[in-house]
Structure formats: C-alpha cells, structure tokens
Amino acid sequence: MNIKSVLESLMFAWGEPLNIGEMSKLLNMPAKYIAGILDEMIREFSENEDRGLIIRKFGNSYQITTKKDNYEYIQSLLQNTVTKSLSTAALETLSIIAYKQPVTKVEIEQIRGVKCSQVVKGLLDKGLVKEVGKLDKPGRPTLYATTDEFLRHFGLTSIDQLPSIDIEKEEKKAT
C-alpha cells in the first residue's frame, strides 16, 4: 500500500478536515506514524510551486486545500455562490469563546451584556464551537470551546495563533 496515496485520497474524498485518529483507525496504523507522513506530505506539497493544492493542519485534523495564490480564480468560479458571513453578534460571541474557553453562556452574556442562546446555537450548527463539558455548579451549565472547523474557517493551525489581548484591560474599557 502506498500510504501517501491513500492519505491524499482520503483527504480529497472527505473534503473537510479529517482527524488523525480517524485516519489511524482506517489504516490500522499508529497516529504518530501517520502524523509524521502527513507532515512530510505538507513539506512536499508546499515545496512544489507548480501545485495548486496544499495540505493544511488544523489542530488534530488535516485537509487538502487550494493555495492562497489562486484565490482570485477560485473566487471568479464561485462568484454566483451565496456565502453566509457571520453576524457581528456571532463574531463577538465567537471571540469571547475563543479567548476565554471553556466558557458558559452566562459568562458570555455577562461580557456582551445581552442574551446569546440563539447566537451560540448558530455557532454550534455551523460547527465553529462545541460543548466540552458541564461546570460543577448548580444547574450544571454547559461549557463551550472552539472546534477544528473554527481553526480552518479562520486559517489557523492552533488557538495559540490568535492575537494576544489583555482581556482584563478590554473588559475595563467596555464598562
């Protein structure tokens, strides 16, 4: 079996970021071994300037994507496609979740000053955030965090790539 060929085919066929654990199960090989091969493939793809595709890593997932250099051509092709952008409320809520995760709805609402149930539901539906547990307090409120789809959507490989901010300073500005 040509493992690189199989991995490339899996990522192409899946279309979305494919988790290393899933690839490991499918190929019955250790995740660490597959990750090494994928890292090698990332280098190979990026070193060949003639290729229009690259492999990107999003947390523990990998995806075949197009090169940014070709964006204008792809955009022309897709110009008739309607894309939904995130509302200001969704971006604000997503920012709070990204910087304070894991976080509850009550904490988000305290920062934003408005209810956020519908906005959080929309972010869950889009796969940008996920439920990551329950807080050990009365009512057991749900904790939310960002997903690998969030990383992919914003072109990040890790949450550590978010610009740093002084959260306390920003909260004081808001009051």
C-alpha atoms as a PDB file:
ATOM      1  CA  MET A   1       0.000   0.000   0.000  1.00  0.00           C
ATOM      2  CA  ASN A   2       1.241   3.475  -0.899  1.00  0.00           C
ATOM      3  CA  ILE A   3       0.323   5.276   2.328  1.00  0.00           C
ATOM      4  CA  LYS A   4       0.794   8.783   0.904  1.00  0.00           C
ATOM      5  CA  SER A   5      -1.535   7.981  -1.971  1.00  0.00           C
ATOM      6  CA  VAL A   6      -4.148   6.574   0.417  1.00  0.00           C
ATOM      7  CA  LEU A   7      -3.931   9.576   2.777  1.00  0.00           C
ATOM      8  CA  GLU A   8      -4.182  12.017  -0.132  1.00  0.00           C
ATOM      9  CA  SER A   9      -7.229  10.161  -1.471  1.00  0.00           C
ATOM     10  CA  LEU A  10      -8.912  10.092   1.944  1.00  0.00           C
ATOM     11  CA  MET A  11      -8.443  13.833   2.489  1.00  0.00           C
ATOM     12  CA  PHE A  12      -9.609  14.644  -1.042  1.00  0.00           C
ATOM     13  CA  ALA A  13     -12.688  12.435  -0.815  1.00  0.00           C
ATOM     14  CA  TRP A  14     -13.635  13.699   2.661  1.00  0.00           C
ATOM     15  CA  GLY A  15     -13.346  17.374   1.690  1.00  0.00           C
ATOM     16  CA  GLU A  16     -13.432  18.598   5.286  1.00  0.00           C
ATOM     17  CA  PRO A  17     -10.597  18.387   7.836  1.00  0.00           C
ATOM     18  CA  LEU A  18     -10.005  14.715   8.631  1.00  0.00           C
ATOM     19  CA  ASN A  19      -8.976  13.821  12.169  1.00  0.00           C
ATOM     20  CA  ILE A  20      -5.697  11.938  12.638  1.00  0.00           C
ATOM     21  CA  GLY A  21      -7.460   9.469  14.948  1.00  0.00           C
ATOM     22  CA  GLU A  22      -9.938   8.574  12.207  1.00  0.00           C
ATOM     23  CA  MET A  23      -7.126   8.072   9.683  1.00  0.00           C
ATOM     24  CA  SER A  24      -5.283   5.925  12.222  1.00  0.00           C
ATOM     25  CA  LYS A  25      -8.348   3.698  12.659  1.00  0.00           C
ATOM     26  CA  LEU A  26      -8.996   3.444   8.922  1.00  0.00           C
ATOM     27  CA  LEU A  27      -5.412   2.439   8.148  1.00  0.00           C
ATOM     28  CA  ASN A  28      -4.858   0.443  11.333  1.00  0.00           C
ATOM     29  CA  MET A  29      -1.624   2.344  11.967  1.00  0.00           C
ATOM     30  CA  PRO A  30      -0.403   4.450  14.905  1.00  0.00           C
ATOM     31  CA  ALA A  31      -1.499   8.083  14.756  1.00  0.00           C
ATOM     32  CA  LYS A  32       2.058   9.227  15.455  1.00  0.00           C
ATOM     33  CA  TYR A  33       3.319   7.356  12.384  1.00  0.00           C
ATOM     34  CA  ILE A  34       0.586   8.822  10.167  1.00  0.00           C
ATOM     35  CA  ALA A  35       1.232  12.328  11.540  1.00  0.00           C
ATOM     36  CA  GLY A  36       4.882  12.009  10.522  1.00  0.00           C
ATOM     37  CA  ILE A  37       3.911  11.019   6.997  1.00  0.00           C
ATOM     38  CA  LEU A  38       1.375  13.856   6.792  1.00  0.00           C
ATOM     39  CA  ASP A  39       3.996  16.366   7.948  1.00  0.00           C
ATOM     40  CA  GLU A  40       6.297  15.062   5.200  1.00  0.00           C
ATOM     41  CA  MET A  41       3.472  15.428   2.669  1.00  0.00           C
ATOM     42  CA  ILE A  42       2.853  19.009   3.840  1.00  0.00           C
ATOM     43  CA  ARG A  43       6.508  19.817   3.078  1.00  0.00           C
ATOM     44  CA  GLU A  44       6.376  18.062  -0.301  1.00  0.00           C
ATOM     45  CA  PHE A  45       3.208  19.878  -1.355  1.00  0.00           C
ATOM     46  CA  SER A  46       4.478  23.297  -0.248  1.00  0.00           C
ATOM     47  CA  GLU A  47       7.908  22.879  -1.895  1.00  0.00           C
ATOM     48  CA  ASN A  48       6.375  22.269  -5.337  1.00  0.00           C
ATOM     49  CA  GLU A  49       5.375  25.692  -6.678  1.00  0.00           C
ATOM     50  CA  ASP A  50       3.570  24.118  -9.637  1.00  0.00           C
ATOM     51  CA  ARG A  51       0.933  22.540  -7.400  1.00  0.00           C
ATOM     52  CA  GLY A  52      -2.380  24.274  -6.801  1.00  0.00           C
ATOM     53  CA  LEU A  53      -3.111  22.282  -3.668  1.00  0.00           C
ATOM     54  CA  ILE A  54      -1.574  22.184  -0.217  1.00  0.00           C
ATOM     55  CA  ILE A  55      -2.181  20.138   2.899  1.00  0.00           C
ATOM     56  CA  ARG A  56      -3.062  22.154   5.995  1.00  0.00           C
ATOM     57  CA  LYS A  57      -3.159  21.106   9.611  1.00  0.00           C
ATOM     58  CA  PHE A  58      -5.987  22.306  11.886  1.00  0.00           C
ATOM     59  CA  GLY A  59      -5.430  21.080  15.420  1.00  0.00           C
ATOM     60  CA  ASN A  60      -5.510  17.271  15.114  1.00  0.00           C
ATOM     61  CA  SER A  61      -7.030  17.311  11.641  1.00  0.00           C
ATOM     62  CA  TYR A  62      -5.643  17.632   8.123  1.00  0.00           C
ATOM     63  CA  GLN A  63      -7.219  18.879   4.910  1.00  0.00           C
ATOM     64  CA  ILE A  64      -6.276  19.336   1.281  1.00  0.00           C
ATOM     65  CA  THR A  65      -6.934  22.966   0.314  1.00  0.00           C
ATOM     66  CA  THR A  66      -6.093  25.304  -2.538  1.00  0.00           C
ATOM     67  CA  LYS A  67      -3.156  27.700  -2.468  1.00  0.00           C
ATOM     68  CA  LYS A  68      -3.989  31.261  -1.469  1.00  0.00           C
ATOM     69  CA  ASP A  69      -2.247  32.471  -4.657  1.00  0.00           C
ATOM     70  CA  ASN A  70      -5.133  31.030  -6.677  1.00  0.00           C
ATOM     71  CA  TYR A  71      -7.890  32.677  -4.627  1.00  0.00           C
ATOM     72  CA  GLU A  72      -8.952  35.224  -7.259  1.00  0.00           C
ATOM     73  CA  TYR A  73      -9.504  32.495  -9.864  1.00  0.00           C
ATOM     74  CA  ILE A  74     -11.467  30.314  -7.490  1.00  0.00           C
ATOM     75  CA  GLN A  75     -13.480  33.346  -6.391  1.00  0.00           C
ATOM     76  CA  SER A  76     -14.368  34.063 -10.032  1.00  0.00           C
ATOM     77  CA  LEU A  77     -15.533  30.484 -10.466  1.00  0.00           C
ATOM     78  CA  LEU A  78     -17.659  30.621  -7.327  1.00  0.00           C
ATOM     79  CA  GLN A  79     -18.938  34.208  -7.717  1.00  0.00           C
ATOM     80  CA  ASN A  80     -22.533  33.039  -8.033  1.00  0.00           C
ATOM     81  CA  THR A  81     -22.343  31.018  -4.842  1.00  0.00           C
ATOM     82  CA  VAL A  82     -24.036  32.649  -1.894  1.00  0.00           C
ATOM     83  CA  THR A  83     -21.880  32.559   1.219  1.00  0.00           C
ATOM     84  CA  LYS A  84     -23.256  33.372   4.617  1.00  0.00           C
ATOM     85  CA  SER A  85     -20.992  35.541   6.684  1.00  0.00           C
ATOM     86  CA  LEU A  86     -21.046  35.680  10.437  1.00  0.00           C
ATOM     87  CA  SER A  87     -23.042  38.480  12.042  1.00  0.00           C
ATOM     88  CA  THR A  88     -21.430  40.974  14.384  1.00  0.00           C
ATOM     89  CA  ALA A  89     -23.141  39.239  17.317  1.00  0.00           C
ATOM     90  CA  ALA A  90     -21.783  35.864  16.170  1.00  0.00           C
ATOM     91  CA  LEU A  91     -18.253  37.258  15.768  1.00  0.00           C
ATOM     92  CA  GLU A  92     -18.375  38.876  19.209  1.00  0.00           C
ATOM     93  CA  THR A  93     -19.631  35.673  20.821  1.00  0.00           C
ATOM     94  CA  LEU A  94     -17.099  33.563  18.934  1.00  0.00           C
ATOM     95  CA  SER A  95     -14.286  35.873  20.046  1.00  0.00           C
ATOM     96  CA  ILE A  96     -15.313  35.536  23.677  1.00  0.00           C
ATOM     97  CA  ILE A  97     -15.456  31.749  23.390  1.00  0.00           C
ATOM     98  CA  ALA A  98     -12.079  31.618  21.603  1.00  0.00           C
ATOM     99  CA  TYR A  99     -10.268  33.726  24.191  1.00  0.00           C
ATOM    100  CA  LYS A 100     -11.954  32.502  27.385  1.00  0.00           C
ATOM    101  CA  GLN A 101     -12.652  28.834  26.569  1.00  0.00           C
ATOM    102  CA  PRO A 102     -14.034  26.812  28.113  1.00  0.00           C
ATOM    103  CA  VAL A 103     -16.805  29.298  28.896  1.00  0.00           C
ATOM    104  CA  THR A 104     -20.515  29.190  29.808  1.00  0.00           C
ATOM    105  CA  LYS A 105     -23.379  31.147  28.192  1.00  0.00           C
ATOM    106  CA  VAL A 106     -23.790  33.128  31.416  1.00  0.00           C
ATOM    107  CA  GLU A 107     -20.155  34.269  31.226  1.00  0.00           C
ATOM    108  CA  ILE A 108     -20.588  35.234  27.564  1.00  0.00           C
ATOM    109  CA  GLU A 109     -23.770  37.149  28.391  1.00  0.00           C
ATOM    110  CA  GLN A 110     -22.039  38.988  31.247  1.00  0.00           C
ATOM    111  CA  ILE A 111     -19.332  40.189  28.848  1.00  0.00           C
ATOM    112  CA  ARG A 112     -21.652  41.050  25.933  1.00  0.00           C
ATOM    113  CA  GLY A 113     -24.493  42.391  28.101  1.00  0.00           C
ATOM    114  CA  VAL A 114     -27.162  40.599  26.056  1.00  0.00           C
ATOM    115  CA  LYS A 115     -28.645  37.102  25.788  1.00  0.00           C
ATOM    116  CA  CYS A 116     -26.708  34.813  23.480  1.00  0.00           C
ATOM    117  CA  SER A 117     -28.600  31.489  23.306  1.00  0.00           C
ATOM    118  CA  GLN A 118     -29.557  31.854  19.639  1.00  0.00           C
ATOM    119  CA  VAL A 119     -26.092  33.050  18.643  1.00  0.00           C
ATOM    120  CA  VAL A 120     -24.417  30.119  20.432  1.00  0.00           C
ATOM    121  CA  LYS A 121     -26.900  27.726  18.781  1.00  0.00           C
ATOM    122  CA  GLY A 122     -25.964  29.161  15.376  1.00  0.00           C
ATOM    123  CA  LEU A 123     -22.249  28.741  16.103  1.00  0.00           C
ATOM    124  CA  LEU A 124     -22.899  25.142  17.211  1.00  0.00           C
ATOM    125  CA  ASP A 125     -24.864  24.500  13.994  1.00  0.00           C
ATOM    126  CA  LYS A 126     -22.004  25.894  11.897  1.00  0.00           C
ATOM    127  CA  GLY A 127     -19.559  23.653  13.779  1.00  0.00           C
ATOM    128  CA  LEU A 128     -17.434  26.579  14.971  1.00  0.00           C
ATOM    129  CA  VAL A 129     -17.995  25.808  18.659  1.00  0.00           C
ATOM    130  CA  LYS A 130     -18.794  22.652  20.601  1.00  0.00           C
ATOM    131  CA  GLU A 131     -19.965  21.607  24.035  1.00  0.00           C
ATOM    132  CA  VAL A 132     -16.952  20.408  26.017  1.00  0.00           C
ATOM    133  CA  GLY A 133     -18.483  19.544  29.373  1.00  0.00           C
ATOM    134  CA  LYS A 134     -20.532  20.775  32.283  1.00  0.00           C
ATOM    135  CA  LEU A 135     -19.465  23.148  35.047  1.00  0.00           C
ATOM    136  CA  ASP A 136     -19.624  21.635  38.528  1.00  0.00           C
ATOM    137  CA  LYS A 137     -22.012  24.308  39.839  1.00  0.00           C
ATOM    138  CA  PRO A 138     -25.780  24.418  40.460  1.00  0.00           C
ATOM    139  CA  GLY A 139     -27.638  23.870  37.208  1.00  0.00           C
ATOM    140  CA  ARG A 140     -24.540  22.258  35.667  1.00  0.00           C
ATOM    141  CA  PRO A 141     -24.122  24.908  32.916  1.00  0.00           C
ATOM    142  CA  THR A 142     -22.629  23.763  29.623  1.00  0.00           C
ATOM    143  CA  LEU A 143     -19.062  24.745  28.769  1.00  0.00           C
ATOM    144  CA  TYR A 144     -18.259  25.823  25.195  1.00  0.00           C
ATOM    145  CA  ALA A 145     -14.998  25.872  23.241  1.00  0.00           C
ATOM    146  CA  THR A 146     -13.924  26.326  19.633  1.00  0.00           C
ATOM    147  CA  THR A 147     -13.538  23.457  17.155  1.00  0.00           C
ATOM    148  CA  ASP A 148     -11.102  22.444  14.424  1.00  0.00           C
ATOM    149  CA  GLU A 149     -13.649  23.951  11.997  1.00  0.00           C
ATOM    150  CA  PHE A 150     -13.120  27.297  13.775  1.00  0.00           C
ATOM    151  CA  LEU A 151      -9.379  26.963  13.123  1.00  0.00           C
ATOM    152  CA  ARG A 152      -9.991  26.093   9.468  1.00  0.00           C
ATOM    153  CA  HIS A 153     -12.515  28.907   8.986  1.00  0.00           C
ATOM    154  CA  PHE A 154     -10.034  31.492  10.239  1.00  0.00           C
ATOM    155  CA  GLY A 155      -6.913  29.901   8.694  1.00  0.00           C
ATOM    156  CA  LEU A 156      -5.275  28.949  11.990  1.00  0.00           C
ATOM    157  CA  THR A 157      -3.373  25.788  12.866  1.00  0.00           C
ATOM    158  CA  SER A 158      -3.758  26.319  16.600  1.00  0.00           C
ATOM    159  CA  ILE A 159      -5.704  28.518  19.010  1.00  0.00           C
ATOM    160  CA  ASP A 160      -2.294  29.838  20.096  1.00  0.00           C
ATOM    161  CA  GLN A 161      -2.158  31.800  16.822  1.00  0.00           C
ATOM    162  CA  LEU A 162      -4.908  34.166  17.960  1.00  0.00           C
ATOM    163  CA  PRO A 163      -3.584  37.685  18.501  1.00  0.00           C
ATOM    164  CA  SER A 164      -2.850  38.279  22.164  1.00  0.00           C
ATOM    165  CA  ILE A 165      -5.036  40.727  24.051  1.00  0.00           C
ATOM    166  CA  ASP A 166      -5.200  41.883  27.619  1.00  0.00           C
ATOM    167  CA  ILE A 167      -8.700  40.601  28.417  1.00  0.00           C
ATOM    168  CA  GLU A 168      -8.943  42.445  31.741  1.00  0.00           C
ATOM    169  CA  LYS A 169      -7.939  45.719  30.067  1.00  0.00           C
ATOM    170  CA  GLU A 170     -10.541  45.194  27.299  1.00  0.00           C
ATOM    171  CA  GLU A 171     -13.265  44.359  29.859  1.00  0.00           C
ATOM    172  CA  LYS A 172     -12.493  47.581  31.776  1.00  0.00           C
ATOM    173  CA  LYS A 173     -12.730  49.588  28.520  1.00  0.00           C
ATOM    174  CA  ALA A 174     -16.198  48.148  27.883  1.00  0.00           C
ATOM    175  CA  THR A 175     -17.522  49.321  31.259  1.00  0.00           C
END
